C-alpha atoms as a PDB file:
ATOM      1  CA  UNK A   1      74.832 -13.420 -22.959  1.00  0.00           C
ATOM      2  CA  UNK A   2      73.529 -11.704 -19.758  1.00  0.00           C
ATOM      3  CA  UNK A   3      73.021 -14.209 -16.872  1.00  0.00           C
ATOM      4  CA  UNK A   4      71.594 -11.925 -14.561  1.00  0.00           C
ATOM      5  CA  UNK A   5      69.035  -9.182 -14.350  1.00  0.00           C
ATOM      6  CA  UNK A   6      68.129  -6.506 -11.760  1.00  0.00           C
ATOM      7  CA  UNK A   7      64.854  -4.776 -10.692  1.00  0.00           C
ATOM      8  CA  UNK A   8      63.793  -2.424  -7.837  1.00  0.00           C
ATOM      9  CA  UNK A   9      61.012  -3.381  -5.521  1.00  0.00           C
ATOM     10  CA  UNK A  10      59.625  -2.242  -2.209  1.00  0.00           C
ATOM     11  CA  UNK A  11      60.034  -4.149   1.114  1.00  0.00           C
ATOM     12  CA  UNK A  12      56.402  -4.633   2.234  1.00  0.00           C
ATOM     13  CA  UNK A  13      57.395  -4.816   6.037  1.00  0.00           C
ATOM     14  CA  UNK A  14      59.550  -1.662   5.983  1.00  0.00           C
ATOM     15  CA  UNK A  15      58.219   0.314   3.060  1.00  0.00           C
ATOM     16  CA  UNK A  16      61.897   0.801   2.008  1.00  0.00           C
ATOM     17  CA  UNK A  17      63.060   0.358  -1.683  1.00  0.00           C
ATOM     18  CA  UNK A  18      65.392  -2.404  -2.419  1.00  0.00           C
ATOM     19  CA  UNK A  19      67.093  -3.896  -5.536  1.00  0.00           C
ATOM     20  CA  UNK A  20      66.641  -7.291  -6.498  1.00  0.00           C
ATOM     21  CA  UNK A  21      69.083  -9.201  -8.609  1.00  0.00           C
ATOM     22  CA  UNK A  22      67.906 -12.491 -10.375  1.00  0.00           C
ATOM     23  CA  UNK A  23      70.747 -14.943 -11.253  1.00  0.00           C
ATOM     24  CA  UNK A  24      69.663 -16.603 -14.580  1.00  0.00           C
ATOM     25  CA  UNK A  25      70.529 -20.171 -14.895  1.00  0.00           C
ATOM     26  CA  UNK A  26      73.414 -20.019 -12.353  1.00  0.00           C
ATOM     27  CA  UNK A  27      73.928 -23.745 -12.515  1.00  0.00           C
ATOM     28  CA  UNK A  28      74.122 -24.227 -16.220  1.00  0.00           C
ATOM     29  CA  UNK A  29      77.826 -25.082 -16.032  1.00  0.00           C
ATOM     30  CA  UNK A  30      80.548 -25.698 -13.682  1.00  0.00           C
ATOM     31  CA  UNK A  31      81.886 -22.243 -14.165  1.00  0.00           C
ATOM     32  CA  UNK A  32      78.516 -20.549 -13.522  1.00  0.00           C
ATOM     33  CA  UNK A  33      77.795 -22.585 -10.530  1.00  0.00           C
ATOM     34  CA  UNK A  34      81.080 -21.908  -8.766  1.00  0.00           C
ATOM     35  CA  UNK A  35      80.649 -18.095  -9.817  1.00  0.00           C
ATOM     36  CA  UNK A  36      77.267 -17.855  -8.433  1.00  0.00           C
ATOM     37  CA  UNK A  37      78.437 -19.354  -5.097  1.00  0.00           C
ATOM     38  CA  UNK A  38      81.360 -16.988  -5.094  1.00  0.00           C
ATOM     39  CA  UNK A  39      79.227 -13.961  -5.670  1.00  0.00           C
ATOM     40  CA  UNK A  40      76.847 -15.129  -2.774  1.00  0.00           C
ATOM     41  CA  UNK A  41      79.574 -15.529  -0.352  1.00  0.00           C
ATOM     42  CA  UNK A  42      81.352 -12.286  -1.133  1.00  0.00           C
ATOM     43  CA  UNK A  43      78.050 -10.253  -0.820  1.00  0.00           C
ATOM     44  CA  UNK A  44      77.284 -12.141   2.547  1.00  0.00           C
ATOM     45  CA  UNK A  45      80.745 -11.123   3.801  1.00  0.00           C
ATOM     46  CA  UNK A  46      80.447  -7.324   3.082  1.00  0.00           C
ATOM     47  CA  UNK A  47      79.625  -5.145   6.021  1.00  0.00           C
ATOM     48  CA  UNK A  48      80.762  -1.541   5.184  1.00  0.00           C
ATOM     49  CA  UNK A  49      78.927   1.581   4.365  1.00  0.00           C
ATOM     50  CA  UNK A  50      80.900   2.144   1.078  1.00  0.00           C
ATOM     51  CA  UNK A  51      80.314  -1.478  -0.102  1.00  0.00           C
ATOM     52  CA  UNK A  52      77.153  -3.099  -1.238  1.00  0.00           C
ATOM     53  CA  UNK A  53      75.753  -5.349   1.283  1.00  0.00           C
ATOM     54  CA  UNK A  54      73.272  -8.449   1.003  1.00  0.00           C
ATOM     55  CA  UNK A  55      69.846  -7.765   2.702  1.00  0.00           C
ATOM     56  CA  UNK A  56      68.345 -11.042   1.776  1.00  0.00           C
ATOM     57  CA  UNK A  57      68.655 -14.037  -0.538  1.00  0.00           C
ATOM     58  CA  UNK A  58      65.871 -16.251  -1.447  1.00  0.00           C
ATOM     59  CA  UNK A  59      64.663 -18.844  -4.031  1.00  0.00           C
ATOM     60  CA  UNK A  60      61.056 -19.700  -5.323  1.00  0.00           C
ATOM     61  CA  UNK A  61      62.079 -23.246  -5.639  1.00  0.00           C
ATOM     62  CA  UNK A  62      60.745 -25.565  -2.891  1.00  0.00           C
ATOM     63  CA  UNK A  63      63.554 -28.024  -2.644  1.00  0.00           C
ATOM     64  CA  UNK A  64      67.070 -28.756  -3.431  1.00  0.00           C
ATOM     65  CA  UNK A  65      65.823 -31.138  -6.159  1.00  0.00           C
ATOM     66  CA  UNK A  66      63.944 -28.148  -8.036  1.00  0.00           C
ATOM     67  CA  UNK A  67      66.561 -25.568  -7.163  1.00  0.00           C
ATOM     68  CA  UNK A  68      67.421 -23.703 -10.298  1.00  0.00           C
ATOM     69  CA  UNK A  69      67.928 -20.005  -9.530  1.00  0.00           C
ATOM     70  CA  UNK A  70      67.978 -17.453  -6.676  1.00  0.00           C
ATOM     71  CA  UNK A  71      67.433 -13.722  -6.008  1.00  0.00           C
ATOM     72  CA  UNK A  72      69.926 -11.455  -4.316  1.00  0.00           C
ATOM     73  CA  UNK A  73      68.099  -8.458  -2.385  1.00  0.00           C
ATOM     74  CA  UNK A  74      70.415  -5.546  -1.840  1.00  0.00           C
ATOM     75  CA  UNK A  75      70.022  -1.755  -0.912  1.00  0.00           C
ATOM     76  CA  UNK A  76      68.422   0.156  -3.822  1.00  0.00           C
ATOM     77  CA  UNK A  77      70.878   2.594  -5.440  1.00  0.00           C
ATOM     78  CA  UNK A  78      69.397   4.840  -8.018  1.00  0.00           C
ATOM     79  CA  UNK A  79      72.308   5.942 -10.238  1.00  0.00           C
ATOM     80  CA  UNK A  80      75.933   5.164 -10.846  1.00  0.00           C
ATOM     81  CA  UNK A  81      78.908   7.311 -11.077  1.00  0.00           C
ATOM     82  CA  UNK A  82      78.992   6.954 -14.917  1.00  0.00           C
ATOM     83  CA  UNK A  83      75.517   8.455 -15.201  1.00  0.00           C
ATOM     84  CA  UNK A  84      76.331  11.211 -12.690  1.00  0.00           C
ATOM     85  CA  UNK A  85      79.421  12.183 -14.684  1.00  0.00           C
ATOM     86  CA  UNK A  86      77.266  12.254 -17.901  1.00  0.00           C
ATOM     87  CA  UNK A  87      74.650  14.524 -16.233  1.00  0.00           C
ATOM     88  CA  UNK A  88      77.063  16.978 -14.641  1.00  0.00           C
ATOM     89  CA  UNK A  89      80.555  18.306 -14.166  1.00  0.00           C
ATOM     90  CA  UNK A  90      81.609  17.412 -10.763  1.00  0.00           C
ATOM     91  CA  UNK A  91      83.124  20.195  -8.453  1.00  0.00           C
ATOM     92  CA  UNK A  92      86.263  19.734  -6.463  1.00  0.00           C
ATOM     93  CA  UNK A  93      84.649  18.994  -3.094  1.00  0.00           C
ATOM     94  CA  UNK A  94      82.356  16.400  -4.568  1.00  0.00           C
ATOM     95  CA  UNK A  95      85.339  14.764  -6.376  1.00  0.00           C
ATOM     96  CA  UNK A  96      87.346  14.531  -3.155  1.00  0.00           C
ATOM     97  CA  UNK A  97      84.280  13.179  -1.233  1.00  0.00           C
ATOM     98  CA  UNK A  98      83.664  10.417  -3.850  1.00  0.00           C
ATOM     99  CA  UNK A  99      87.362   9.498  -4.077  1.00  0.00           C
ATOM    100  CA  UNK A 100      87.408   9.321  -0.294  1.00  0.00           C
ATOM    101  CA  UNK A 101      84.611   6.977  -0.202  1.00  0.00           C
ATOM    102  CA  UNK A 102      85.894   4.658  -3.140  1.00  0.00           C
ATOM    103  CA  UNK A 103      89.263   4.350  -1.192  1.00  0.00           C
ATOM    104  CA  UNK A 104      87.482   3.526   2.139  1.00  0.00           C
ATOM    105  CA  UNK A 105      85.448   0.691   0.591  1.00  0.00           C
ATOM    106  CA  UNK A 106      88.598  -0.632  -1.123  1.00  0.00           C
ATOM    107  CA  UNK A 107      90.543  -0.403   1.921  1.00  0.00           C
ATOM    108  CA  UNK A 108      87.944  -2.608   3.621  1.00  0.00           C
ATOM    109  CA  UNK A 109      87.744  -5.003   0.692  1.00  0.00           C
ATOM    110  CA  UNK A 110      91.456  -5.242   0.354  1.00  0.00           C
ATOM    111  CA  UNK A 111      91.773  -5.948   4.132  1.00  0.00           C
ATOM    112  CA  UNK A 112      89.566  -8.758   3.832  1.00  0.00           C
ATOM    113  CA  UNK A 113      91.788 -10.324   1.171  1.00  0.00           C
ATOM    114  CA  UNK A 114      89.679  -9.520  -1.729  1.00  0.00           C
ATOM    115  CA  UNK A 115      90.384  -7.813  -5.125  1.00  0.00           C
ATOM    116  CA  UNK A 116      87.394  -6.370  -6.815  1.00  0.00           C
ATOM    117  CA  UNK A 117      88.977  -6.620 -10.350  1.00  0.00           C
ATOM    118  CA  UNK A 118      86.109  -4.603 -12.012  1.00  0.00           C
ATOM    119  CA  UNK A 119      86.135  -1.129 -10.777  1.00  0.00           C
ATOM    120  CA  UNK A 120      84.714   1.445 -13.270  1.00  0.00           C
ATOM    121  CA  UNK A 121      82.186   4.296 -12.986  1.00  0.00           C
ATOM    122  CA  UNK A 122      79.244   2.062 -13.746  1.00  0.00           C
ATOM    123  CA  UNK A 123      80.186  -0.208 -10.635  1.00  0.00           C
ATOM    124  CA  UNK A 124      80.074   2.748  -8.330  1.00  0.00           C
ATOM    125  CA  UNK A 125      76.573   3.642  -6.909  1.00  0.00           C
ATOM    126  CA  UNK A 126      75.758   7.097  -5.795  1.00  0.00           C
ATOM    127  CA  UNK A 127      72.721   8.633  -4.155  1.00  0.00           C
ATOM    128  CA  UNK A 128      71.498  12.096  -4.123  1.00  0.00           C
ATOM    129  CA  UNK A 129      73.652  13.141  -1.246  1.00  0.00           C
ATOM    130  CA  UNK A 130      76.817  11.756  -3.246  1.00  0.00           C
ATOM    131  CA  UNK A 131      77.058   8.777  -0.850  1.00  0.00           C
ATOM    132  CA  UNK A 132      78.877   5.989  -2.644  1.00  0.00           C
ATOM    133  CA  UNK A 133      78.741   2.159  -2.673  1.00  0.00           C
ATOM    134  CA  UNK A 134      81.232  -0.117  -4.636  1.00  0.00           C
ATOM    135  CA  UNK A 135      78.864  -2.510  -6.460  1.00  0.00           C
ATOM    136  CA  UNK A 136      78.978  -5.849  -8.410  1.00  0.00           C
ATOM    137  CA  UNK A 137      81.223  -8.626  -6.929  1.00  0.00           C
ATOM    138  CA  UNK A 138      80.512 -10.890  -9.895  1.00  0.00           C
ATOM    139  CA  UNK A 139      84.182 -10.874 -10.745  1.00  0.00           C
ATOM    140  CA  UNK A 140      85.983 -10.494  -7.378  1.00  0.00           C
ATOM    141  CA  UNK A 141      88.470 -13.053  -6.370  1.00  0.00           C
ATOM    142  CA  UNK A 142      90.655 -13.611  -3.237  1.00  0.00           C
ATOM    143  CA  UNK A 143      94.232 -12.290  -3.687  1.00  0.00           C
ATOM    144  CA  UNK A 144      95.856 -15.824  -3.147  1.00  0.00           C
ATOM    145  CA  UNK A 145      94.554 -17.305  -6.272  1.00  0.00           C
ATOM    146  CA  UNK A 146      95.880 -17.278  -9.751  1.00  0.00           C
ATOM    147  CA  UNK A 147      94.314 -14.662 -11.821  1.00  0.00           C
ATOM    148  CA  UNK A 148      93.963 -14.484 -15.683  1.00  0.00           C
ATOM    149  CA  UNK A 149      93.912 -11.096 -17.488  1.00  0.00           C
ATOM    150  CA  UNK A 150      90.382 -10.574 -19.159  1.00  0.00           C
ATOM    151  CA  UNK A 151      88.074  -9.129 -16.571  1.00  0.00           C
ATOM    152  CA  UNK A 152      88.141  -5.483 -16.026  1.00  0.00           C
ATOM    153  CA  UNK A 153      86.362  -3.083 -18.660  1.00  0.00           C
ATOM    154  CA  UNK A 154      89.142  -2.258 -20.829  1.00  0.00           C
ATOM    155  CA  UNK A 155      89.474   1.447 -20.190  1.00  0.00           C
ATOM    156  CA  UNK A 156      90.076   0.988 -16.456  1.00  0.00           C
ATOM    157  CA  UNK A 157      92.362  -2.057 -16.708  1.00  0.00           C
ATOM    158  CA  UNK A 158      95.823  -2.080 -15.161  1.00  0.00           C
ATOM    159  CA  UNK A 159      98.701  -2.667 -17.623  1.00  0.00           C
ATOM    160  CA  UNK A 160      99.589  -5.892 -15.767  1.00  0.00           C
ATOM    161  CA  UNK A 161      96.174  -7.135 -16.328  1.00  0.00           C
ATOM    162  CA  UNK A 162      96.331  -6.257 -20.092  1.00  0.00           C
ATOM    163  CA  UNK A 163      99.771  -8.080 -20.318  1.00  0.00           C
ATOM    164  CA  UNK A 164      98.190 -11.022 -18.697  1.00  0.00           C
ATOM    165  CA  UNK A 165     100.541 -11.705 -15.943  1.00  0.00           C
ATOM    166  CA  UNK A 166      99.478 -14.908 -14.209  1.00  0.00           C
ATOM    167  CA  UNK A 167      99.292 -13.357 -10.798  1.00  0.00           C
ATOM    168  CA  UNK A 168      98.436  -9.785  -9.673  1.00  0.00           C
ATOM    169  CA  UNK A 169      97.460  -8.088  -6.470  1.00  0.00           C
ATOM    170  CA  UNK A 170      94.988  -5.467  -5.023  1.00  0.00           C
ATOM    171  CA  UNK A 171      96.807  -2.518  -6.665  1.00  0.00           C
ATOM    172  CA  UNK A 172      94.964  -3.477  -9.937  1.00  0.00           C
ATOM    173  CA  UNK A 173      91.917  -1.671  -8.122  1.00  0.00           C
ATOM    174  CA  UNK A 174      94.158   1.385  -7.495  1.00  0.00           C
ATOM    175  CA  UNK A 175      95.124   1.699 -11.052  1.00  0.00           C
ATOM    176  CA  UNK A 176      91.307   1.727 -11.856  1.00  0.00           C
ATOM    177  CA  UNK A 177      90.659   4.388  -9.391  1.00  0.00           C
ATOM    178  CA  UNK A 178      93.308   6.552 -10.830  1.00  0.00           C
ATOM    179  CA  UNK A 179      91.541   6.376 -14.146  1.00  0.00           C
ATOM    180  CA  UNK A 180      88.377   7.158 -12.456  1.00  0.00           C
ATOM    181  CA  UNK A 181      89.693  10.126 -10.645  1.00  0.00           C
ATOM    182  CA  UNK A 182      91.223  11.578 -13.891  1.00  0.00           C
ATOM    183  CA  UNK A 183      87.923  11.256 -15.574  1.00  0.00           C
ATOM    184  CA  UNK A 184      86.006  12.962 -12.668  1.00  0.00           C
ATOM    185  CA  UNK A 185      88.437  15.888 -12.839  1.00  0.00           C
ATOM    186  CA  UNK A 186      88.693  16.268 -16.647  1.00  0.00           C
ATOM    187  CA  UNK A 187      85.236  14.892 -17.749  1.00  0.00           C
ATOM    188  CA  UNK A 188      87.017  12.538 -20.301  1.00  0.00           C
ATOM    189  CA  UNK A 189      88.106   9.084 -20.356  1.00  0.00           C
ATOM    190  CA  UNK A 190      91.691   8.815 -19.609  1.00  0.00           C
ATOM    191  CA  UNK A 191      92.665   5.742 -21.681  1.00  0.00           C
ATOM    192  CA  UNK A 192      89.818   5.010 -24.239  1.00  0.00           C
ATOM    193  CA  UNK A 193      91.606   2.297 -25.948  1.00  0.00           C
ATOM    194  CA  UNK A 194      89.945   0.614 -29.008  1.00  0.00           C
ATOM    195  CA  UNK A 195      91.303  -2.844 -28.348  1.00  0.00           C
ATOM    196  CA  UNK A 196      93.907  -4.340 -25.838  1.00  0.00           C
ATOM    197  CA  UNK A 197      96.823  -3.148 -27.925  1.00  0.00           C
ATOM    198  CA  UNK A 198      95.587   0.391 -28.404  1.00  0.00           C
ATOM    199  CA  UNK A 199      94.918   0.563 -24.665  1.00  0.00           C
ATOM    200  CA  UNK A 200      98.390  -0.503 -23.669  1.00  0.00           C
ATOM    201  CA  UNK A 201      99.840   1.948 -26.213  1.00  0.00           C
ATOM    202  CA  UNK A 202      97.773   4.851 -24.770  1.00  0.00           C
ATOM    203  CA  UNK A 203      98.895   3.910 -21.243  1.00  0.00           C
ATOM    204  CA  UNK A 204     102.577   3.811 -22.350  1.00  0.00           C
ATOM    205  CA  UNK A 205     102.203   7.186 -24.105  1.00  0.00           C
ATOM    206  CA  UNK A 206     101.522   8.669 -20.682  1.00  0.00           C
ATOM    207  CA  UNK A 207     103.476   6.609 -18.190  1.00  0.00           C
ATOM    208  CA  UNK A 208     106.494   5.899 -20.447  1.00  0.00           C
ATOM    209  CA  UNK A 209     107.828   2.484 -21.488  1.00  0.00           C
ATOM    210  CA  UNK A 210     108.290  -0.139 -18.621  1.00  0.00           C
ATOM    211  CA  UNK A 211     111.711  -0.071 -16.961  1.00  0.00           C
ATOM    212  CA  UNK A 212     113.855  -3.189 -17.326  1.00  0.00           C
ATOM    213  CA  UNK A 213     113.394  -4.110 -13.705  1.00  0.00           C
ATOM    214  CA  UNK A 214     109.480  -4.207 -14.286  1.00  0.00           C
ATOM    215  CA  UNK A 215     109.880  -6.179 -17.476  1.00  0.00           C
ATOM    216  CA  UNK A 216     111.966  -8.725 -15.551  1.00  0.00           C
ATOM    217  CA  UNK A 217     109.045  -9.297 -13.033  1.00  0.00           C
ATOM    218  CA  UNK A 218     106.632 -10.207 -15.900  1.00  0.00           C
ATOM    219  CA  UNK A 219     105.978 -14.052 -15.660  1.00  0.00           C
ATOM    220  CA  UNK A 220     104.781 -14.116 -19.201  1.00  0.00           C
ATOM    221  CA  UNK A 221     107.620 -14.387 -21.712  1.00  0.00           C
ATOM    222  CA  UNK A 222     105.176 -13.314 -24.593  1.00  0.00           C
ATOM    223  CA  UNK A 223     104.378 -10.156 -22.498  1.00  0.00           C
ATOM    224  CA  UNK A 224     108.062  -9.513 -22.089  1.00  0.00           C
ATOM    225  CA  UNK A 225     108.814  -9.990 -25.855  1.00  0.00           C
ATOM    226  CA  UNK A 226     105.823  -7.874 -26.684  1.00  0.00           C
ATOM    227  CA  UNK A 227     106.828  -4.960 -24.479  1.00  0.00           C
ATOM    228  CA  UNK A 228     110.481  -4.926 -25.665  1.00  0.00           C
ATOM    229  CA  UNK A 229     109.212  -4.561 -29.253  1.00  0.00           C
ATOM    230  CA  UNK A 230     107.216  -1.535 -28.575  1.00  0.00           C
ATOM    231  CA  UNK A 231     108.747   2.026 -29.488  1.00  0.00           C
ATOM    232  CA  UNK A 232     110.463   3.482 -26.536  1.00  0.00           C
ATOM    233  CA  UNK A 233     108.389   6.256 -24.816  1.00  0.00           C
ATOM    234  CA  UNK A 234     109.431   8.839 -22.234  1.00  0.00           C
ATOM    235  CA  UNK A 235     106.965   9.572 -19.274  1.00  0.00           C
ATOM    236  CA  UNK A 236     104.750  12.512 -19.772  1.00  0.00           C
ATOM    237  CA  UNK A 237     104.951  15.406 -17.382  1.00  0.00           C
ATOM    238  CA  UNK A 238     101.620  15.138 -15.663  1.00  0.00           C
ATOM    239  CA  UNK A 239     101.519  18.715 -14.842  1.00  0.00           C
ATOM    240  CA  UNK A 240     101.725  19.531 -18.673  1.00  0.00           C
ATOM    241  CA  UNK A 241      99.400  16.572 -19.506  1.00  0.00           C
ATOM    242  CA  UNK A 242      96.725  17.899 -17.011  1.00  0.00           C
ATOM    243  CA  UNK A 243      97.213  21.667 -16.927  1.00  0.00           C
ATOM    244  CA  UNK A 244      94.048  22.287 -14.975  1.00  0.00           C
ATOM    245  CA  UNK A 245      95.035  19.996 -12.121  1.00  0.00           C
ATOM    246  CA  UNK A 246      96.707  21.175  -8.977  1.00  0.00           C
ATOM    247  CA  UNK A 247      99.989  19.881  -8.137  1.00  0.00           C
ATOM    248  CA  UNK A 248      98.571  17.723  -5.312  1.00  0.00           C
ATOM    249  CA  UNK A 249      96.051  16.225  -7.853  1.00  0.00           C
ATOM    250  CA  UNK A 250      98.730  15.247 -10.235  1.00  0.00           C
ATOM    251  CA  UNK A 251     100.911  13.817  -7.520  1.00  0.00           C
ATOM    252  CA  UNK A 252      98.249  11.386  -6.270  1.00  0.00           C
ATOM    253  CA  UNK A 253      97.299  10.559  -9.721  1.00  0.00           C
ATOM    254  CA  UNK A 254     100.948   9.656 -10.639  1.00  0.00           C
ATOM    255  CA  UNK A 255     101.130   7.394  -7.580  1.00  0.00           C
ATOM    256  CA  UNK A 256      97.874   5.719  -8.631  1.00  0.00           C
ATOM    257  CA  UNK A 257      99.022   5.328 -12.177  1.00  0.00           C
ATOM    258  CA  UNK A 258     102.357   3.814 -11.464  1.00  0.00           C
ATOM    259  CA  UNK A 259     103.203   1.420 -14.115  1.00  0.00           C
ATOM    260  CA  UNK A 260     104.892  -0.979 -11.449  1.00  0.00           C
ATOM    261  CA  UNK A 261     102.110  -2.763  -9.243  1.00  0.00           C
ATOM    262  CA  UNK A 262     104.930  -3.197  -6.737  1.00  0.00           C
ATOM    263  CA  UNK A 263     105.462   0.542  -6.150  1.00  0.00           C
ATOM    264  CA  UNK A 264     101.994   1.789  -6.956  1.00  0.00           C
ATOM    265  CA  UNK A 265     100.283   3.366  -4.037  1.00  0.00           C
ATOM    266  CA  UNK A 266      97.664   1.215  -1.828  1.00  0.00           C
ATOM    267  CA  UNK A 267      94.360   2.360  -0.610  1.00  0.00           C
ATOM    268  CA  UNK A 268      95.532   3.173   2.853  1.00  0.00           C
ATOM    269  CA  UNK A 269      98.479   5.302   1.448  1.00  0.00           C
ATOM    270  CA  UNK A 270      96.119   6.953  -0.842  1.00  0.00           C
ATOM    271  CA  UNK A 271      93.662   7.782   1.990  1.00  0.00           C
ATOM    272  CA  UNK A 272      96.647   9.618   3.675  1.00  0.00           C
ATOM    273  CA  UNK A 273      97.651  11.720   0.756  1.00  0.00           C
ATOM    274  CA  UNK A 274      97.378  15.453   1.103  1.00  0.00           C
ATOM    275  CA  UNK A 275      94.595  15.557  -1.607  1.00  0.00           C
ATOM    276  CA  UNK A 276      92.334  13.919   0.942  1.00  0.00           C
ATOM    277  CA  UNK A 277      93.608  16.123   3.791  1.00  0.00           C
ATOM    278  CA  UNK A 278      90.171  17.120   4.863  1.00  0.00           C
ATOM    279  CA  UNK A 279      89.354  13.517   5.649  1.00  0.00           C
ATOM    280  CA  UNK A 280      92.730  12.421   7.094  1.00  0.00           C
ATOM    281  CA  UNK A 281      91.536  13.131  10.728  1.00  0.00           C
ATOM    282  CA  UNK A 282      88.436  10.795  10.313  1.00  0.00           C
ATOM    283  CA  UNK A 283      88.100   8.010  12.710  1.00  0.00           C
ATOM    284  CA  UNK A 284      89.723   4.826  11.404  1.00  0.00           C
ATOM    285  CA  UNK A 285      87.464   2.096  10.015  1.00  0.00           C
ATOM    286  CA  UNK A 286      86.871  -1.127  11.940  1.00  0.00           C
ATOM    287  CA  UNK A 287      89.145  -3.965  10.753  1.00  0.00           C
ATOM    288  CA  UNK A 288      87.758  -6.090   8.036  1.00  0.00           C
ATOM    289  CA  UNK A 289      87.190  -9.694   8.941  1.00  0.00           C
ATOM    290  CA  UNK A 290      89.423 -12.030   6.693  1.00  0.00           C
ATOM    291  CA  UNK A 291      87.364 -13.570   3.967  1.00  0.00           C
ATOM    292  CA  UNK A 292      87.240 -17.319   4.153  1.00  0.00           C
ATOM    293  CA  UNK A 293      88.126 -18.354   0.619  1.00  0.00           C
ATOM    294  CA  UNK A 294      89.101 -21.946   1.349  1.00  0.00           C
ATOM    295  CA  UNK A 295      86.249 -23.086  -1.019  1.00  0.00           C
ATOM    296  CA  UNK A 296      88.160 -21.670  -4.074  1.00  0.00           C
ATOM    297  CA  UNK A 297      90.416 -24.633  -4.117  1.00  0.00           C
ATOM    298  CA  UNK A 298      87.716 -27.252  -3.940  1.00  0.00           C
ATOM    299  CA  UNK A 299      87.240 -29.513  -6.996  1.00  0.00           C
ATOM    300  CA  UNK A 300      83.423 -29.919  -6.944  1.00  0.00           C
ATOM    301  CA  UNK A 301      80.817 -30.796  -9.603  1.00  0.00           C
ATOM    302  CA  UNK A 302      77.846 -28.556 -10.497  1.00  0.00           C
ATOM    303  CA  UNK A 303      75.507 -30.357  -7.972  1.00  0.00           C
ATOM    304  CA  UNK A 304      77.871 -29.911  -5.237  1.00  0.00           C
ATOM    305  CA  UNK A 305      78.374 -26.159  -5.926  1.00  0.00           C
ATOM    306  CA  UNK A 306      74.489 -26.083  -6.161  1.00  0.00           C
ATOM    307  CA  UNK A 307      74.167 -27.669  -2.823  1.00  0.00           C
ATOM    308  CA  UNK A 308      76.628 -25.245  -1.092  1.00  0.00           C
ATOM    309  CA  UNK A 309      74.538 -22.296  -2.615  1.00  0.00           C
ATOM    310  CA  UNK A 310      71.273 -23.784  -1.394  1.00  0.00           C
ATOM    311  CA  UNK A 311      72.732 -24.123   2.083  1.00  0.00           C
ATOM    312  CA  UNK A 312      73.900 -20.533   2.166  1.00  0.00           C
ATOM    313  CA  UNK A 313      70.516 -19.309   1.097  1.00  0.00           C
ATOM    314  CA  UNK A 314      68.686 -21.467   3.685  1.00  0.00           C
ATOM    315  CA  UNK A 315      70.854 -20.250   6.672  1.00  0.00           C
ATOM    316  CA  UNK A 316      70.981 -16.633   5.658  1.00  0.00           C
ATOM    317  CA  UNK A 317      69.438 -14.209   8.327  1.00  0.00           C
ATOM    318  CA  UNK A 318      67.844 -11.271   6.517  1.00  0.00           C
ATOM    319  CA  UNK A 319      68.553  -7.580   7.361  1.00  0.00           C
ATOM    320  CA  UNK A 320      66.285  -4.591   7.022  1.00  0.00           C
ATOM    321  CA  UNK A 321      67.531  -1.929   4.557  1.00  0.00           C
ATOM    322  CA  UNK A 322      67.980   0.375   7.441  1.00  0.00           C
ATOM    323  CA  UNK A 323      70.231  -2.102   9.237  1.00  0.00           C
ATOM    324  CA  UNK A 324      72.731  -2.260   6.403  1.00  0.00           C
ATOM    325  CA  UNK A 325      75.675  -0.099   6.444  1.00  0.00           C
ATOM    326  CA  UNK A 326      74.657   3.177   4.867  1.00  0.00           C
END
């Protein structure tokens, strides 16, 4: 069931177009109430030109007693990367520019201590100038908290998520970026698995079987047993697998699609890669403020989460669309 819906509207004061997302029945359960509060807090925290930000938030309900839903107002973005890729084949300079922006946004998000967890082409907004924003923080979580595996759209899901390790880190997002980069270059989904097992098999066909050192890191004994039972596969030669790619492209792709999250490249390292050489001299981004995630460990009931959301809405200071990082 879809628990939110989005529409575009015009700001009557500025004349600028905005997107309005309605959270439908956000307080119907404990899980929904905490998730709604988390999304509100995350969006309020984001202040980077390559990350969606919150312009305003409001509720039509007049009091806490009648408070049932609320609306998030964000910059309007006409299309997403998935649609852009369906409409046209991207050229090299556009791909590099888009990748640069994805990694800049991720560097900011990760520095704040947040993992997006659901990066995919449809969660990357793009305007007519190919300016990009990372969208949809409905699944994002702080890095310190225990994470379960079933969140990211399957085709862009890191192997450690598929194997359902109990904890993973920000490099799950980098795996997703590697899948997106390959798709931008080739025009095809890299790992179009039909189910979880098919997805993992397609990944291992390319990366080769996990090394014993990686298997030993797996916290799930079921995952260890399953991986050990799989037929042994050798890693494919990326230059042969992607004959149209340059050596610098395949090098970055291999670093992003490293089966071991401990040695996989991070956003900062990827930004310094020769593939993004034309942007390597760009001014460094301002340091992200650390996200206050202390509420994640609170044991509250639905009414208490609802009260926290109501307080955030009542104390929010609206921004004009032109004031948001663009």
